[in-house]
Amino acid sequence: MMKHRTRIKICGITRLSDAQQAAALGTDAIGLVFHAPSPRSIEIDAALQIRCAMPPFVTVTALFMNENEDWVDQVLQKVRPDCLQFHGDEPAEFCTQWSRPYVKAIPMGSVEDIAAYAAQHPHAQGFLLDSNVAGRQGGSGDTFDWSKIPSSLDFPLLLAGGLNPENVAAAIARVSPWGVDVSSGVEKSRGIKDANLIDQFFSEVKRGDAVA
């Protein structure tokens, strides 16, 4: 398999300055959380400000978890995200109805058969493996046992769950994911990113790519 550069997504962004810094460092995507119970939830007006400030080729991803159709539609109409990310138990019919690329999260804390879970979403762009259990939101800062990931998976794999500057290089070497998704691992408080940690995270991803 041809070696690739590990893509980076900075998720749970709530401030314009954090989004701008991530973009300046070369992030491939940012994540905006539209799930009200989350401490990283963002209002539509703030999300639109961030969305409009993003340069070309930075994918703006809208994250949902078991939301109703009206709320998803409102976000799509006003924020116009490039990609959707579903973290609940949404069926494929719900995820595909918006005619937007989408990523489906797999809760590694409760799913045993990853391939079978993924097969339920044949039109997903890829799958994000997170450390949470079904019905609970991510962002806990906990990792999961990476050895549980089968080497035979034939879809783009995005690794999340407790990643930070200290472990992301090892994660890349172990899993060889298409991309990594970080939230709490680059924060100084919930929803508030730390500029130094973001910078370190990018450096460690590059180091992981160099040795993988």
N, C-alpha and C. Protein backbone atom coordinates (compact mmCIF):
# COMPACT_ATOMS: atom_id res chain seq x y z
N MET A 1 0.84 -1.19 0.00
CA MET A 1 0.00 0.00 0.00
C MET A 1 0.88 1.25 0.00
N MET A 2 0.49 2.21 -0.82
CA MET A 2 1.27 3.44 -0.92
C MET A 2 1.18 4.23 0.39
N LYS A 3 2.30 4.70 0.85
CA LYS A 3 2.34 5.48 2.08
C LYS A 3 1.66 6.82 1.86
N HIS A 4 0.93 7.28 2.84
CA HIS A 4 0.22 8.55 2.72
C HIS A 4 0.52 9.43 3.93
N ARG A 5 0.27 10.71 3.76
CA ARG A 5 0.38 11.65 4.87
C ARG A 5 -0.87 11.54 5.75
N THR A 6 -0.69 11.42 7.04
CA THR A 6 -1.83 11.33 7.95
C THR A 6 -2.56 12.66 8.01
N ARG A 7 -3.83 12.64 7.68
CA ARG A 7 -4.64 13.85 7.75
C ARG A 7 -4.96 14.20 9.20
N ILE A 8 -5.20 15.49 9.44
CA ILE A 8 -5.46 15.97 10.80
C ILE A 8 -6.78 16.73 10.85
N LYS A 9 -7.58 16.40 11.86
CA LYS A 9 -8.79 17.16 12.14
C LYS A 9 -8.74 17.64 13.59
N ILE A 10 -8.94 18.93 13.78
CA ILE A 10 -9.04 19.51 15.11
C ILE A 10 -10.53 19.71 15.39
N CYS A 11 -11.04 18.99 16.37
CA CYS A 11 -12.49 18.99 16.62
C CYS A 11 -12.84 19.76 17.88
N GLY A 12 -14.14 20.07 18.00
CA GLY A 12 -14.63 20.78 19.18
C GLY A 12 -14.16 22.21 19.26
N ILE A 13 -13.96 22.84 18.12
CA ILE A 13 -13.51 24.23 18.10
C ILE A 13 -14.68 25.16 18.42
N THR A 14 -14.44 26.10 19.32
CA THR A 14 -15.49 27.05 19.70
C THR A 14 -15.07 28.50 19.48
N ARG A 15 -13.78 28.72 19.16
CA ARG A 15 -13.29 30.09 19.00
C ARG A 15 -12.69 30.29 17.62
N LEU A 16 -12.94 31.44 17.05
CA LEU A 16 -12.39 31.78 15.74
C LEU A 16 -10.87 31.72 15.74
N SER A 17 -10.23 32.20 16.79
CA SER A 17 -8.76 32.22 16.83
C SER A 17 -8.18 30.81 16.79
N ASP A 18 -8.84 29.86 17.44
CA ASP A 18 -8.36 28.48 17.40
C ASP A 18 -8.49 27.89 16.00
N ALA A 19 -9.59 28.18 15.34
CA ALA A 19 -9.78 27.70 13.97
C ALA A 19 -8.74 28.29 13.03
N GLN A 20 -8.46 29.56 13.21
CA GLN A 20 -7.48 30.23 12.34
C GLN A 20 -6.09 29.67 12.56
N GLN A 21 -5.75 29.39 13.81
CA GLN A 21 -4.43 28.82 14.07
C GLN A 21 -4.30 27.43 13.46
N ALA A 22 -5.33 26.62 13.64
CA ALA A 22 -5.31 25.27 13.07
C ALA A 22 -5.16 25.32 11.56
N ALA A 23 -5.87 26.25 10.93
CA ALA A 23 -5.78 26.39 9.48
C ALA A 23 -4.39 26.84 9.06
N ALA A 24 -3.81 27.78 9.80
CA ALA A 24 -2.48 28.28 9.46
C ALA A 24 -1.42 27.18 9.57
N LEU A 25 -1.62 26.25 10.49
CA LEU A 25 -0.67 25.15 10.66
C LEU A 25 -0.85 24.06 9.59
N GLY A 26 -1.97 24.13 8.88
CA GLY A 26 -2.18 23.17 7.80
C GLY A 26 -3.17 22.07 8.10
N THR A 27 -4.10 22.31 9.03
CA THR A 27 -5.08 21.27 9.32
C THR A 27 -5.90 20.94 8.08
N ASP A 28 -6.29 19.70 7.98
CA ASP A 28 -7.12 19.27 6.85
C ASP A 28 -8.59 19.53 7.12
N ALA A 29 -8.98 19.56 8.39
CA ALA A 29 -10.39 19.74 8.74
C ALA A 29 -10.51 20.30 10.14
N ILE A 30 -11.61 20.99 10.38
CA ILE A 30 -11.98 21.40 11.72
C ILE A 30 -13.36 20.83 12.01
N GLY A 31 -13.65 20.60 13.28
CA GLY A 31 -14.93 20.06 13.67
C GLY A 31 -15.70 21.03 14.55
N LEU A 32 -16.97 21.25 14.19
CA LEU A 32 -17.87 22.10 14.97
C LEU A 32 -18.98 21.23 15.53
N VAL A 33 -19.17 21.28 16.83
CA VAL A 33 -20.10 20.38 17.51
C VAL A 33 -21.48 21.03 17.65
N PHE A 34 -22.49 20.40 17.08
CA PHE A 34 -23.86 20.89 17.16
C PHE A 34 -24.71 19.91 17.99
N HIS A 35 -24.23 19.65 19.18
CA HIS A 35 -24.91 18.76 20.13
C HIS A 35 -24.96 19.51 21.45
N ALA A 36 -26.12 20.06 21.78
CA ALA A 36 -26.24 21.01 22.90
C ALA A 36 -25.66 20.52 24.22
N PRO A 37 -25.79 19.24 24.61
CA PRO A 37 -25.24 18.82 25.90
C PRO A 37 -23.72 18.86 25.99
N SER A 38 -23.04 18.95 24.85
CA SER A 38 -21.58 18.93 24.86
C SER A 38 -21.01 20.26 25.35
N PRO A 39 -19.96 20.22 26.16
CA PRO A 39 -19.30 21.46 26.58
C PRO A 39 -18.61 22.16 25.42
N ARG A 40 -18.50 21.49 24.30
CA ARG A 40 -17.87 22.07 23.11
C ARG A 40 -18.90 22.47 22.05
N SER A 41 -20.16 22.49 22.44
CA SER A 41 -21.22 22.88 21.52
C SER A 41 -21.05 24.34 21.11
N ILE A 42 -21.41 24.62 19.86
CA ILE A 42 -21.24 25.97 19.33
C ILE A 42 -22.56 26.47 18.76
N GLU A 43 -22.80 27.76 18.91
CA GLU A 43 -24.01 28.38 18.36
C GLU A 43 -23.82 28.61 16.86
N ILE A 44 -24.93 28.69 16.16
CA ILE A 44 -24.87 28.82 14.70
C ILE A 44 -24.15 30.09 14.27
N ASP A 45 -24.39 31.22 14.93
CA ASP A 45 -23.74 32.47 14.51
C ASP A 45 -22.23 32.38 14.65
N ALA A 46 -21.75 31.79 15.75
CA ALA A 46 -20.30 31.65 15.95
C ALA A 46 -19.73 30.66 14.94
N ALA A 47 -20.48 29.61 14.65
CA ALA A 47 -20.02 28.62 13.68
C ALA A 47 -19.92 29.23 12.28
N LEU A 48 -20.88 30.07 11.94
CA LEU A 48 -20.86 30.71 10.62
C LEU A 48 -19.67 31.65 10.49
N GLN A 49 -19.34 32.36 11.56
CA GLN A 49 -18.17 33.24 11.54
C GLN A 49 -16.90 32.44 11.26
N ILE A 50 -16.77 31.28 11.93
CA ILE A 50 -15.61 30.42 11.71
C ILE A 50 -15.62 29.86 10.31
N ARG A 51 -16.76 29.41 9.86
CA ARG A 51 -16.87 28.82 8.54
C ARG A 51 -16.45 29.80 7.44
N CYS A 52 -16.88 31.03 7.58
CA CYS A 52 -16.57 32.05 6.57
C CYS A 52 -15.10 32.47 6.59
N ALA A 53 -14.42 32.22 7.70
CA ALA A 53 -13.01 32.61 7.83
C ALA A 53 -12.04 31.54 7.36
N MET A 54 -12.54 30.36 7.06
CA MET A 54 -11.65 29.27 6.68
C MET A 54 -11.14 29.42 5.24
N PRO A 55 -9.84 29.19 5.03
CA PRO A 55 -9.27 29.27 3.69
C PRO A 55 -9.65 28.05 2.86
N PRO A 56 -9.31 28.05 1.57
CA PRO A 56 -9.64 26.91 0.73
C PRO A 56 -9.00 25.61 1.23
N PHE A 57 -9.69 24.52 0.98
CA PHE A 57 -9.21 23.16 1.23
C PHE A 57 -9.12 22.79 2.71
N VAL A 58 -9.77 23.59 3.58
CA VAL A 58 -9.95 23.18 4.98
C VAL A 58 -11.41 22.73 5.10
N THR A 59 -11.61 21.45 5.35
CA THR A 59 -12.95 20.89 5.42
C THR A 59 -13.62 21.26 6.74
N VAL A 60 -14.75 21.92 6.65
CA VAL A 60 -15.53 22.27 7.83
C VAL A 60 -16.54 21.16 8.08
N THR A 61 -16.39 20.48 9.22
CA THR A 61 -17.21 19.32 9.53
C THR A 61 -18.18 19.66 10.66
N ALA A 62 -19.45 19.31 10.46
CA ALA A 62 -20.48 19.52 11.47
C ALA A 62 -20.76 18.20 12.16
N LEU A 63 -20.64 18.19 13.48
CA LEU A 63 -20.80 16.97 14.27
C LEU A 63 -22.17 16.96 14.95
N PHE A 64 -22.86 15.83 14.79
CA PHE A 64 -24.18 15.65 15.40
C PHE A 64 -24.21 14.34 16.17
N MET A 65 -25.13 14.28 17.14
CA MET A 65 -25.32 13.04 17.90
C MET A 65 -26.80 12.89 18.23
N ASN A 66 -27.47 12.04 17.46
CA ASN A 66 -28.89 11.74 17.67
C ASN A 66 -29.75 13.00 17.68
N GLU A 67 -29.50 13.89 16.72
CA GLU A 67 -30.27 15.13 16.64
C GLU A 67 -31.51 14.92 15.76
N ASN A 68 -32.48 15.83 15.90
CA ASN A 68 -33.66 15.74 15.04
C ASN A 68 -33.37 16.36 13.68
N GLU A 69 -34.19 16.00 12.72
CA GLU A 69 -33.97 16.44 11.34
C GLU A 69 -34.01 17.96 11.20
N ASP A 70 -34.89 18.61 11.92
CA ASP A 70 -35.02 20.07 11.80
C ASP A 70 -33.73 20.78 12.20
N TRP A 71 -33.07 20.29 13.26
CA TRP A 71 -31.84 20.92 13.71
C TRP A 71 -30.71 20.70 12.70
N VAL A 72 -30.58 19.50 12.21
CA VAL A 72 -29.55 19.22 11.20
C VAL A 72 -29.79 20.09 9.97
N ASP A 73 -31.03 20.18 9.54
CA ASP A 73 -31.36 20.97 8.36
C ASP A 73 -31.05 22.45 8.58
N GLN A 74 -31.32 22.94 9.78
CA GLN A 74 -31.03 24.35 10.10
C GLN A 74 -29.53 24.63 10.02
N VAL A 75 -28.74 23.73 10.59
CA VAL A 75 -27.28 23.90 10.54
C VAL A 75 -26.79 23.88 9.09
N LEU A 76 -27.29 22.95 8.31
CA LEU A 76 -26.85 22.84 6.92
C LEU A 76 -27.21 24.09 6.12
N GLN A 77 -28.40 24.60 6.34
CA GLN A 77 -28.84 25.77 5.59
C GLN A 77 -28.05 27.02 5.94
N LYS A 78 -27.71 27.18 7.22
CA LYS A 78 -27.07 28.42 7.67
C LYS A 78 -25.55 28.36 7.68
N VAL A 79 -24.98 27.22 8.07
CA VAL A 79 -23.52 27.12 8.19
C VAL A 79 -22.88 26.56 6.94
N ARG A 80 -23.60 25.73 6.21
CA ARG A 80 -23.11 25.11 4.97
C ARG A 80 -21.81 24.33 5.19
N PRO A 81 -21.82 23.37 6.08
CA PRO A 81 -20.60 22.58 6.30
C PRO A 81 -20.27 21.72 5.08
N ASP A 82 -19.00 21.38 4.96
CA ASP A 82 -18.56 20.55 3.84
C ASP A 82 -18.84 19.07 4.07
N CYS A 83 -18.83 18.67 5.34
CA CYS A 83 -18.94 17.26 5.69
C CYS A 83 -19.73 17.14 6.99
N LEU A 84 -20.43 16.01 7.15
CA LEU A 84 -21.18 15.74 8.36
C LEU A 84 -20.54 14.58 9.10
N GLN A 85 -20.65 14.60 10.42
CA GLN A 85 -20.08 13.54 11.24
C GLN A 85 -21.14 13.15 12.27
N PHE A 86 -21.54 11.88 12.25
CA PHE A 86 -22.61 11.40 13.12
C PHE A 86 -22.05 10.49 14.20
N HIS A 87 -22.33 10.84 15.46
CA HIS A 87 -21.76 10.14 16.61
C HIS A 87 -22.79 9.35 17.42
N GLY A 88 -24.02 9.30 16.96
CA GLY A 88 -25.04 8.56 17.69
C GLY A 88 -25.34 7.23 17.02
N ASP A 89 -26.59 6.79 17.17
CA ASP A 89 -26.99 5.54 16.52
C ASP A 89 -27.86 5.81 15.30
N GLU A 90 -27.50 6.88 14.58
CA GLU A 90 -28.24 7.25 13.38
C GLU A 90 -28.15 6.14 12.32
N PRO A 91 -29.28 5.74 11.72
CA PRO A 91 -29.23 4.76 10.64
C PRO A 91 -28.72 5.39 9.36
N ALA A 92 -28.34 4.55 8.43
CA ALA A 92 -27.79 5.04 7.16
C ALA A 92 -28.76 5.96 6.43
N GLU A 93 -30.05 5.64 6.51
CA GLU A 93 -31.05 6.46 5.81
C GLU A 93 -31.04 7.90 6.31
N PHE A 94 -30.85 8.06 7.62
CA PHE A 94 -30.79 9.41 8.19
C PHE A 94 -29.54 10.13 7.72
N CYS A 95 -28.42 9.44 7.71
CA CYS A 95 -27.13 10.07 7.38
C CYS A 95 -27.02 10.46 5.92
N THR A 96 -27.66 9.72 5.05
CA THR A 96 -27.50 9.95 3.60
C THR A 96 -28.52 10.94 3.04
N GLN A 97 -29.56 11.24 3.78
CA GLN A 97 -30.64 12.06 3.21
C GLN A 97 -30.22 13.50 2.93
N TRP A 98 -29.10 13.93 3.50
CA TRP A 98 -28.69 15.33 3.36
C TRP A 98 -27.85 15.56 2.10
N SER A 99 -27.51 14.50 1.39
CA SER A 99 -26.71 14.61 0.15
C SER A 99 -25.40 15.35 0.40
N ARG A 100 -24.80 15.05 1.54
CA ARG A 100 -23.47 15.57 1.88
C ARG A 100 -22.56 14.41 2.25
N PRO A 101 -21.27 14.53 2.00
CA PRO A 101 -20.36 13.49 2.49
C PRO A 101 -20.49 13.37 4.00
N TYR A 102 -20.41 12.14 4.51
CA TYR A 102 -20.49 11.98 5.96
C TYR A 102 -19.54 10.91 6.47
N VAL A 103 -19.16 11.10 7.72
CA VAL A 103 -18.32 10.15 8.45
C VAL A 103 -19.16 9.61 9.59
N LYS A 104 -19.08 8.31 9.83
CA LYS A 104 -19.82 7.70 10.94
C LYS A 104 -18.84 7.28 12.02
N ALA A 105 -19.12 7.70 13.24
CA ALA A 105 -18.28 7.31 14.37
C ALA A 105 -18.66 5.91 14.85
N ILE A 106 -17.66 5.13 15.22
CA ILE A 106 -17.87 3.80 15.78
C ILE A 106 -17.42 3.84 17.24
N PRO A 107 -18.34 3.61 18.19
CA PRO A 107 -17.98 3.65 19.61
C PRO A 107 -17.25 2.38 20.03
N MET A 108 -15.94 2.47 20.11
CA MET A 108 -15.13 1.28 20.36
C MET A 108 -15.34 0.71 21.77
N GLY A 109 -15.95 1.51 22.65
CA GLY A 109 -16.22 1.02 24.00
C GLY A 109 -17.33 0.00 24.07
N SER A 110 -18.10 -0.13 22.97
CA SER A 110 -19.22 -1.06 23.01
C SER A 110 -19.39 -1.87 21.73
N VAL A 111 -18.66 -1.57 20.68
CA VAL A 111 -18.79 -2.31 19.42
C VAL A 111 -17.67 -3.34 19.32
N GLU A 112 -18.04 -4.58 19.10
CA GLU A 112 -17.06 -5.66 18.98
C GLU A 112 -16.69 -5.92 17.53
N ASP A 113 -17.68 -5.92 16.64
CA ASP A 113 -17.45 -6.24 15.23
C ASP A 113 -17.47 -4.95 14.41
N ILE A 114 -16.29 -4.38 14.21
CA ILE A 114 -16.17 -3.09 13.51
C ILE A 114 -16.65 -3.20 12.08
N ALA A 115 -16.26 -4.26 11.40
CA ALA A 115 -16.62 -4.43 9.99
C ALA A 115 -18.14 -4.52 9.82
N ALA A 116 -18.79 -5.25 10.72
CA ALA A 116 -20.25 -5.40 10.63
C ALA A 116 -20.94 -4.06 10.87
N TYR A 117 -20.42 -3.29 11.82
CA TYR A 117 -20.99 -1.97 12.10
C TYR A 117 -20.83 -1.07 10.87
N ALA A 118 -19.66 -1.09 10.28
CA ALA A 118 -19.40 -0.24 9.12
C ALA A 118 -20.26 -0.65 7.93
N ALA A 119 -20.55 -1.92 7.81
CA ALA A 119 -21.34 -2.42 6.68
C ALA A 119 -22.75 -1.82 6.67
N GLN A 120 -23.20 -1.34 7.82
CA GLN A 120 -24.52 -0.71 7.89
C GLN A 120 -24.53 0.67 7.23
N HIS A 121 -23.34 1.20 6.93
CA HIS A 121 -23.23 2.53 6.33
C HIS A 121 -22.36 2.46 5.07
N PRO A 122 -22.87 1.83 4.02
CA PRO A 122 -22.06 1.62 2.81
C PRO A 122 -21.68 2.90 2.08
N HIS A 123 -22.38 4.00 2.37
CA HIS A 123 -22.10 5.24 1.65
C HIS A 123 -21.28 6.24 2.47
N ALA A 124 -20.83 5.84 3.65
CA ALA A 124 -20.00 6.73 4.46
C ALA A 124 -18.64 6.94 3.79
N GLN A 125 -18.11 8.16 3.90
CA GLN A 125 -16.77 8.44 3.37
C GLN A 125 -15.71 7.66 4.14
N GLY A 126 -15.94 7.48 5.41
CA GLY A 126 -14.99 6.79 6.27
C GLY A 126 -15.60 6.62 7.64
N PHE A 127 -14.82 6.02 8.54
CA PHE A 127 -15.32 5.74 9.88
C PHE A 127 -14.31 6.21 10.92
N LEU A 128 -14.84 6.87 11.95
CA LEU A 128 -14.02 7.39 13.02
C LEU A 128 -14.14 6.47 14.22
N LEU A 129 -13.02 5.92 14.64
CA LEU A 129 -13.01 5.02 15.79
C LEU A 129 -12.74 5.83 17.05
N ASP A 130 -13.74 5.87 17.94
CA ASP A 130 -13.63 6.66 19.16
C ASP A 130 -13.68 5.73 20.37
N SER A 131 -13.26 6.25 21.51
CA SER A 131 -13.13 5.41 22.70
C SER A 131 -14.42 5.31 23.50
N ASN A 132 -15.42 6.08 23.16
CA ASN A 132 -16.64 6.09 23.96
C ASN A 132 -17.49 4.84 23.72
N VAL A 133 -18.55 4.72 24.49
CA VAL A 133 -19.51 3.64 24.29
C VAL A 133 -20.75 4.23 23.63
N ALA A 134 -21.56 3.38 23.03
CA ALA A 134 -22.75 3.84 22.31
C ALA A 134 -23.63 4.68 23.23
N GLY A 135 -24.10 5.83 22.69
CA GLY A 135 -25.00 6.69 23.45
C GLY A 135 -24.30 7.72 24.30
N ARG A 136 -22.97 7.68 24.36
CA ARG A 136 -22.22 8.68 25.13
C ARG A 136 -21.31 9.47 24.20
N GLN A 137 -21.22 10.76 24.45
CA GLN A 137 -20.40 11.60 23.59
C GLN A 137 -18.92 11.39 23.86
N GLY A 138 -18.11 11.72 22.85
CA GLY A 138 -16.67 11.58 22.98
C GLY A 138 -16.06 12.78 23.70
N GLY A 139 -14.76 12.96 23.49
CA GLY A 139 -14.08 14.08 24.13
C GLY A 139 -13.68 13.82 25.56
N SER A 140 -13.66 12.55 25.95
CA SER A 140 -13.33 12.21 27.34
C SER A 140 -11.84 12.25 27.61
N GLY A 141 -11.04 12.16 26.55
CA GLY A 141 -9.59 12.11 26.74
C GLY A 141 -9.08 10.70 26.96
N ASP A 142 -9.97 9.70 26.88
CA ASP A 142 -9.57 8.31 27.09
C ASP A 142 -9.21 7.65 25.77
N THR A 143 -8.21 6.80 25.80
CA THR A 143 -7.87 6.01 24.62
C THR A 143 -8.57 4.65 24.71
N PHE A 144 -8.47 3.86 23.63
CA PHE A 144 -8.94 2.49 23.67
C PHE A 144 -7.81 1.60 23.18
N ASP A 145 -8.01 0.32 23.29
CA ASP A 145 -6.98 -0.65 22.91
C ASP A 145 -6.86 -0.70 21.39
N TRP A 146 -5.81 -0.12 20.86
CA TRP A 146 -5.65 -0.05 19.40
C TRP A 146 -5.49 -1.43 18.77
N SER A 147 -5.12 -2.43 19.57
CA SER A 147 -4.98 -3.78 19.01
C SER A 147 -6.32 -4.38 18.62
N LYS A 148 -7.43 -3.75 19.06
CA LYS A 148 -8.76 -4.23 18.69
C LYS A 148 -9.10 -3.92 17.24
N ILE A 149 -8.29 -3.08 16.60
CA ILE A 149 -8.60 -2.66 15.22
C ILE A 149 -8.08 -3.71 14.25
N PRO A 150 -8.95 -4.35 13.48
CA PRO A 150 -8.49 -5.35 12.51
C PRO A 150 -7.64 -4.72 11.42
N SER A 151 -6.65 -5.43 10.97
CA SER A 151 -5.79 -4.92 9.90
C SER A 151 -6.45 -5.06 8.53
N SER A 152 -7.56 -5.78 8.48
CA SER A 152 -8.20 -6.08 7.19
C SER A 152 -9.26 -5.07 6.78
N LEU A 153 -9.47 -4.02 7.56
CA LEU A 153 -10.50 -3.05 7.23
C LEU A 153 -10.18 -2.38 5.90
N ASP A 154 -11.19 -2.25 5.04
CA ASP A 154 -10.95 -1.73 3.69
C ASP A 154 -11.62 -0.38 3.47
N PHE A 155 -11.75 0.42 4.52
CA PHE A 155 -12.32 1.76 4.40
C PHE A 155 -11.40 2.75 5.09
N PRO A 156 -11.47 4.05 4.71
CA PRO A 156 -10.64 5.05 5.37
C PRO A 156 -10.94 5.11 6.86
N LEU A 157 -9.90 4.97 7.64
CA LEU A 157 -10.02 4.91 9.09
C LEU A 157 -9.51 6.20 9.71
N LEU A 158 -10.35 6.79 10.56
CA LEU A 158 -9.97 8.00 11.28
C LEU A 158 -9.88 7.62 12.76
N LEU A 159 -8.74 7.89 13.36
CA LEU A 159 -8.50 7.48 14.74
C LEU A 159 -8.74 8.66 15.68
N ALA A 160 -9.56 8.42 16.72
CA ALA A 160 -9.83 9.44 17.74
C ALA A 160 -9.74 8.76 19.10
N GLY A 161 -10.11 9.50 20.13
CA GLY A 161 -10.14 8.91 21.47
C GLY A 161 -8.84 9.07 22.22
N GLY A 162 -8.72 10.16 22.95
CA GLY A 162 -7.57 10.35 23.83
C GLY A 162 -6.25 10.66 23.16
N LEU A 163 -6.28 11.06 21.91
CA LEU A 163 -5.02 11.42 21.24
C LEU A 163 -4.51 12.76 21.76
N ASN A 164 -3.18 12.89 21.84
CA ASN A 164 -2.55 14.11 22.30
C ASN A 164 -1.12 14.13 21.76
N PRO A 165 -0.37 15.20 22.02
CA PRO A 165 1.00 15.25 21.48
C PRO A 165 1.90 14.13 21.99
N GLU A 166 1.60 13.56 23.14
CA GLU A 166 2.45 12.52 23.71
C GLU A 166 2.25 11.15 23.06
N ASN A 167 1.06 10.88 22.51
CA ASN A 167 0.82 9.53 22.01
C ASN A 167 0.47 9.44 20.53
N VAL A 168 0.30 10.56 19.84
CA VAL A 168 -0.20 10.47 18.46
C VAL A 168 0.82 9.84 17.51
N ALA A 169 2.11 10.07 17.73
CA ALA A 169 3.11 9.44 16.86
C ALA A 169 3.06 7.92 17.00
N ALA A 170 2.94 7.44 18.24
CA ALA A 170 2.84 6.00 18.48
C ALA A 170 1.56 5.44 17.87
N ALA A 171 0.47 6.22 17.94
CA ALA A 171 -0.79 5.77 17.35
C ALA A 171 -0.68 5.61 15.85
N ILE A 172 -0.02 6.55 15.21
CA ILE A 172 0.16 6.47 13.76
C ILE A 172 1.01 5.27 13.38
N ALA A 173 2.08 5.03 14.15
CA ALA A 173 2.94 3.88 13.88
C ALA A 173 2.19 2.56 14.07
N ARG A 174 1.29 2.51 15.04
CA ARG A 174 0.57 1.28 15.35
C ARG A 174 -0.59 1.03 14.42
N VAL A 175 -1.35 2.07 14.08
CA VAL A 175 -2.62 1.91 13.38
C VAL A 175 -2.55 2.28 11.89
N SER A 176 -1.66 3.20 11.53
CA SER A 176 -1.58 3.74 10.17
C SER A 176 -2.93 4.23 9.67
N PRO A 177 -3.57 5.12 10.42
CA PRO A 177 -4.90 5.60 10.02
C PRO A 177 -4.81 6.57 8.84
N TRP A 178 -5.92 6.76 8.17
CA TRP A 178 -5.98 7.79 7.13
C TRP A 178 -5.86 9.17 7.76
N GLY A 179 -6.46 9.31 8.94
CA GLY A 179 -6.40 10.59 9.63
C GLY A 179 -6.54 10.43 11.12
N VAL A 180 -6.19 11.48 11.85
CA VAL A 180 -6.35 11.52 13.30
C VAL A 180 -7.25 12.70 13.66
N ASP A 181 -8.03 12.51 14.72
CA ASP A 181 -9.01 13.50 15.14
C ASP A 181 -8.75 13.79 16.61
N VAL A 182 -8.49 15.05 16.93
CA VAL A 182 -8.14 15.41 18.31
C VAL A 182 -9.04 16.53 18.80
N SER A 183 -9.40 16.47 20.07
CA SER A 183 -10.20 17.53 20.69
C SER A 183 -9.63 17.88 22.04
N SER A 184 -9.92 17.06 23.07
CA SER A 184 -9.45 17.39 24.41
C SER A 184 -7.94 17.37 24.54
N GLY A 185 -7.27 16.62 23.68
CA GLY A 185 -5.82 16.49 23.77
C GLY A 185 -5.04 17.74 23.41
N VAL A 186 -5.72 18.76 22.88
CA VAL A 186 -5.05 20.02 22.57
C VAL A 186 -5.80 21.19 23.23
N GLU A 187 -6.39 20.92 24.39
CA GLU A 187 -7.15 21.96 25.09
C GLU A 187 -6.50 22.35 26.42
N LYS A 188 -6.73 23.61 26.80
CA LYS A 188 -6.37 24.04 28.15
C LYS A 188 -7.59 24.03 29.06
N SER A 189 -8.77 24.07 28.48
CA SER A 189 -10.03 23.83 29.18
C SER A 189 -11.02 23.39 28.12
N ARG A 190 -12.15 22.86 28.54
CA ARG A 190 -13.07 22.28 27.57
C ARG A 190 -13.55 23.32 26.55
N GLY A 191 -13.28 23.02 25.29
CA GLY A 191 -13.68 23.91 24.21
C GLY A 191 -12.69 25.01 23.92
N ILE A 192 -11.68 25.17 24.75
CA ILE A 192 -10.67 26.22 24.56
C ILE A 192 -9.35 25.56 24.22
N LYS A 193 -8.90 25.74 22.99
CA LYS A 193 -7.68 25.08 22.56
C LYS A 193 -6.45 25.82 23.06
N ASP A 194 -5.37 25.07 23.13
CA ASP A 194 -4.08 25.60 23.57
C ASP A 194 -3.16 25.69 22.35
N ALA A 195 -2.70 26.88 22.04
CA ALA A 195 -1.90 27.10 20.83
C ALA A 195 -0.65 26.24 20.82
N ASN A 196 0.02 26.12 21.95
CA ASN A 196 1.25 25.33 22.01
C ASN A 196 0.97 23.84 21.80
N LEU A 197 -0.12 23.35 22.38
CA LEU A 197 -0.46 21.94 22.22
C LEU A 197 -0.85 21.61 20.78
N ILE A 198 -1.56 22.52 20.13
CA ILE A 198 -1.89 22.30 18.71
C ILE A 198 -0.62 22.22 17.89
N ASP A 199 0.29 23.14 18.14
CA ASP A 199 1.56 23.15 17.41
C ASP A 199 2.35 21.86 17.65
N GLN A 200 2.39 21.40 18.91
CA GLN A 200 3.09 20.16 19.23
C GLN A 200 2.42 18.96 18.57
N PHE A 201 1.09 18.98 18.53
CA PHE A 201 0.37 17.86 17.92
C PHE A 201 0.72 17.72 16.45
N PHE A 202 0.75 18.85 15.73
CA PHE A 202 1.11 18.81 14.32
C PHE A 202 2.53 18.27 14.13
N SER A 203 3.45 18.72 14.99
CA SER A 203 4.83 18.26 14.88
C SER A 203 4.94 16.76 15.12
N GLU A 204 4.16 16.25 16.08
CA GLU A 204 4.22 14.82 16.39
C GLU A 204 3.56 13.97 15.31
N VAL A 205 2.54 14.50 14.66
CA VAL A 205 1.96 13.77 13.53
C VAL A 205 2.99 13.63 12.41
N LYS A 206 3.71 14.69 12.14
CA LYS A 206 4.76 14.63 11.11
C LYS A 206 5.85 13.64 11.51
N ARG A 207 6.18 13.62 12.79
CA ARG A 207 7.19 12.67 13.25
C ARG A 207 6.68 11.24 13.11
N GLY A 208 5.42 11.04 13.44
CA GLY A 208 4.83 9.71 13.30
C GLY A 208 4.83 9.25 11.85
N ASP A 209 4.55 10.14 10.94
CA ASP A 209 4.57 9.80 9.51
C ASP A 209 5.98 9.43 9.06
N ALA A 210 6.97 10.09 9.63
CA ALA A 210 8.34 9.86 9.20
C ALA A 210 8.86 8.50 9.64
N VAL A 211 8.34 7.98 10.74
CA VAL A 211 8.85 6.71 11.25
C VAL A 211 7.91 5.54 11.00
N ALA A 212 6.69 5.84 10.56
CA ALA A 212 5.71 4.76 10.35
C ALA A 212 6.10 3.86 9.18
